[in-house]
Protein backbone atom coordinates (compact mmCIF):
# COMPACT_ATOMS: atom_id res chain seq x y z
CA UNK A 1 -0.06 0.28 0.13
CA UNK A 2 2.58 2.39 0.47
CA UNK A 3 3.81 2.14 -2.59
CA UNK A 4 0.13 3.18 -4.30
CA UNK A 5 0.93 1.48 -7.29
CA UNK A 6 -2.08 -0.13 -9.13
CA UNK A 7 -2.86 -3.34 -8.98
CA UNK A 8 -4.80 -6.48 -10.18
CA UNK A 9 -5.65 -9.77 -10.12
CA UNK A 10 -4.59 -13.03 -12.13
CA UNK A 11 -5.89 -15.86 -13.14
CA UNK A 12 -4.25 -19.04 -13.24
CA UNK A 13 -6.65 -20.86 -15.42
CA UNK A 14 -6.62 -23.55 -12.42
CA UNK A 15 -9.84 -25.86 -13.18
CA UNK A 16 -12.11 -27.26 -10.40
CA UNK A 17 -12.10 -31.13 -10.27
CA UNK A 18 -15.03 -32.28 -11.88
CA UNK A 19 -17.93 -35.18 -10.60
CA UNK A 20 -17.42 -37.47 -7.40
CA UNK A 21 -13.67 -37.77 -6.05
CA UNK A 22 -13.34 -40.37 -2.74
CA UNK A 23 -9.54 -39.47 -1.71
CA UNK A 24 -8.46 -41.56 1.57
CA UNK A 25 -5.09 -40.08 3.15
CA UNK A 26 -3.36 -41.71 5.89
CA UNK A 27 -1.34 -39.85 8.64
CA UNK A 28 -0.40 -39.83 12.13
CA UNK A 29 -1.27 -42.90 14.42
CA UNK A 30 -4.07 -42.92 15.46
CA UNK A 31 -7.43 -44.16 14.64
CA UNK A 32 -8.97 -40.69 13.58
CA UNK A 33 -10.87 -39.82 10.32
CA UNK A 34 -11.75 -36.14 9.44
CA UNK A 35 -14.79 -36.00 6.33
CA UNK A 36 -14.45 -33.25 3.95
CA UNK A 37 -17.08 -32.32 1.18
CA UNK A 38 -16.99 -29.64 -1.31
CA UNK A 39 -19.45 -28.71 -3.73
CA UNK A 40 -18.43 -25.74 -6.17
CA UNK A 41 -20.24 -24.78 -9.82
CA UNK A 42 -20.50 -21.80 -11.86
CA UNK A 43 -22.43 -19.28 -10.75
CA UNK A 44 -23.67 -15.17 -11.64
CA UNK A 45 -22.27 -13.71 -9.17
CA UNK A 46 -24.29 -10.69 -7.19
CA UNK A 47 -24.37 -9.23 -3.82
CA UNK A 48 -27.66 -10.82 -3.62
CA UNK A 49 -26.99 -14.67 -3.84
CA UNK A 50 -23.44 -14.19 -1.77
CA UNK A 51 -26.00 -13.35 0.72
CA UNK A 52 -27.77 -16.22 -0.35
CA UNK A 53 -25.33 -18.53 0.14
CA UNK A 54 -23.88 -17.76 3.49
CA UNK A 55 -27.87 -18.18 4.42
CA UNK A 56 -28.00 -21.62 3.02
CA UNK A 57 -24.23 -22.55 4.84
CA UNK A 58 -25.68 -21.07 8.26
CA UNK A 59 -29.38 -23.46 8.11
CA UNK A 60 -26.87 -26.25 6.74
CA UNK A 61 -24.88 -26.02 9.74
CA UNK A 62 -27.96 -25.58 12.61
CA UNK A 63 -29.18 -28.78 10.50
CA UNK A 64 -25.61 -31.03 10.29
CA UNK A 65 -25.50 -30.03 13.90
CA UNK A 66 -28.64 -31.15 14.86
CA UNK A 67 -28.00 -34.68 13.17
CA UNK A 68 -24.49 -35.20 13.06
CA UNK A 69 -23.37 -33.97 16.67
CA UNK A 70 -26.84 -34.50 18.91
CA UNK A 71 -29.07 -36.44 16.94
CA UNK A 72 -25.76 -39.36 16.13
CA UNK A 73 -23.00 -38.40 18.72
CA UNK A 74 -21.21 -38.40 15.96
CA UNK A 75 -18.83 -35.40 16.24
CA UNK A 76 -17.86 -33.05 18.19
CA UNK A 77 -18.64 -30.43 15.76
CA UNK A 78 -19.11 -29.66 11.83
CA UNK A 79 -18.13 -26.89 10.11
CA UNK A 80 -19.48 -25.58 6.95
CA UNK A 81 -18.37 -22.10 5.22
CA UNK A 82 -19.70 -20.89 2.04
CA UNK A 83 -17.53 -18.84 -0.70
CA UNK A 84 -18.59 -16.78 -3.50
CA UNK A 85 -16.18 -15.73 -6.11
CA UNK A 86 -16.20 -12.49 -8.70
CA UNK A 87 -13.52 -13.06 -10.37
CA UNK A 88 -11.94 -14.46 -12.54
CA UNK A 89 -15.53 -16.26 -13.24
CA UNK A 90 -18.66 -16.43 -11.05
CA UNK A 91 -18.38 -19.62 -9.14
CA UNK A 92 -19.62 -20.74 -5.55
CA UNK A 93 -17.73 -23.26 -2.76
CA UNK A 94 -19.63 -25.27 0.07
CA UNK A 95 -16.91 -27.12 2.30
CA UNK A 96 -18.53 -29.01 4.93
CA UNK A 97 -16.13 -30.66 7.37
CA UNK A 98 -16.05 -32.85 10.34
CA UNK A 99 -14.22 -34.87 12.61
CA UNK A 100 -15.06 -38.35 13.55
CA UNK A 101 -14.29 -42.29 14.60
CA UNK A 102 -12.98 -43.75 10.91
CA UNK A 103 -15.98 -46.58 11.38
CA UNK A 104 -18.38 -43.67 11.16
CA UNK A 105 -16.76 -41.57 8.36
CA UNK A 106 -19.44 -43.26 5.54
CA UNK A 107 -22.66 -43.42 7.89
CA UNK A 108 -21.96 -39.01 8.76
CA UNK A 109 -20.80 -38.65 5.13
CA UNK A 110 -23.87 -40.06 3.89
CA UNK A 111 -26.58 -37.87 6.72
CA UNK A 112 -24.65 -35.12 5.37
CA UNK A 113 -25.95 -35.75 1.47
CA UNK A 114 -29.21 -36.69 3.02
CA UNK A 115 -29.76 -32.95 4.29
CA UNK A 116 -28.03 -31.71 1.13
CA UNK A 117 -30.72 -33.55 -0.82
CA UNK A 118 -33.60 -32.41 1.84
CA UNK A 119 -32.50 -28.47 1.18
CA UNK A 120 -32.14 -29.09 -2.59
CA UNK A 121 -35.97 -30.35 -2.74
CA UNK A 122 -37.33 -28.36 -0.62
CA UNK A 123 -36.90 -24.80 0.87
CA UNK A 124 -35.37 -24.72 4.56
CA UNK A 125 -38.53 -24.34 7.08
CA UNK A 126 -39.42 -21.70 9.20
CA UNK A 127 -37.28 -22.60 12.34
CA UNK A 128 -34.32 -22.75 10.53
CA UNK A 129 -34.57 -19.48 8.69
CA UNK A 130 -35.48 -17.28 12.10
CA UNK A 131 -32.59 -19.17 14.11
CA UNK A 132 -30.29 -17.97 11.15
CA UNK A 133 -32.29 -14.30 11.42
CA UNK A 134 -31.10 -14.30 15.46
CA UNK A 135 -27.87 -15.28 14.88
CA UNK A 136 -27.27 -12.35 11.90
CA UNK A 137 -29.05 -9.95 14.79
CA UNK A 138 -26.61 -10.89 17.46
CA UNK A 139 -23.21 -10.79 15.02
CA UNK A 140 -24.71 -6.93 14.07
CA UNK A 141 -25.60 -6.34 17.41
CA UNK A 142 -21.69 -7.51 18.87
CA UNK A 143 -20.15 -5.64 15.65
CA UNK A 144 -21.93 -2.61 16.83
CA UNK A 145 -20.37 -2.73 20.28
CA UNK A 146 -17.12 -3.48 19.07
CA UNK A 147 -16.73 -0.71 16.91
CA UNK A 148 -18.53 1.97 19.41
CA UNK A 149 -15.88 0.95 22.24
CA UNK A 150 -13.14 1.32 19.37
CA UNK A 151 -14.02 4.52 18.31
CA UNK A 152 -12.21 7.52 19.65
CA UNK A 153 -15.68 9.50 19.48
CA UNK A 154 -17.72 7.81 21.91
């Protein structure tokens, strides 16, 4: 930033893998599994699409926590992150990950796929929309408090 030079991005033309890819990587000596599931594809970028993808990720996170963690007792936490890239071309990515016992990896991954299919077939239930609204409202409130603490004008 100190040079005030003009910069821009460069398209490295790195293609995303297509189809279903299953890889097993063995590392360490303890029996433990980390499951990672990625969905990606092309999309027209917009602020609205970015907002909706984030909200969908939050709904999926809540549903997976309920099913995989609370109902099945299969993991301590399920992480869901979403990204909507604008450049070099519109692309979305949904990344789901969780740790579990190796013997439960397939079973719990199948639950994730089942929950995703449910979301593809039907919109989220109102209870999940309400939970996401409440989470976002709380995040805004906390953010506002943090900003006011650091502001020299309060």
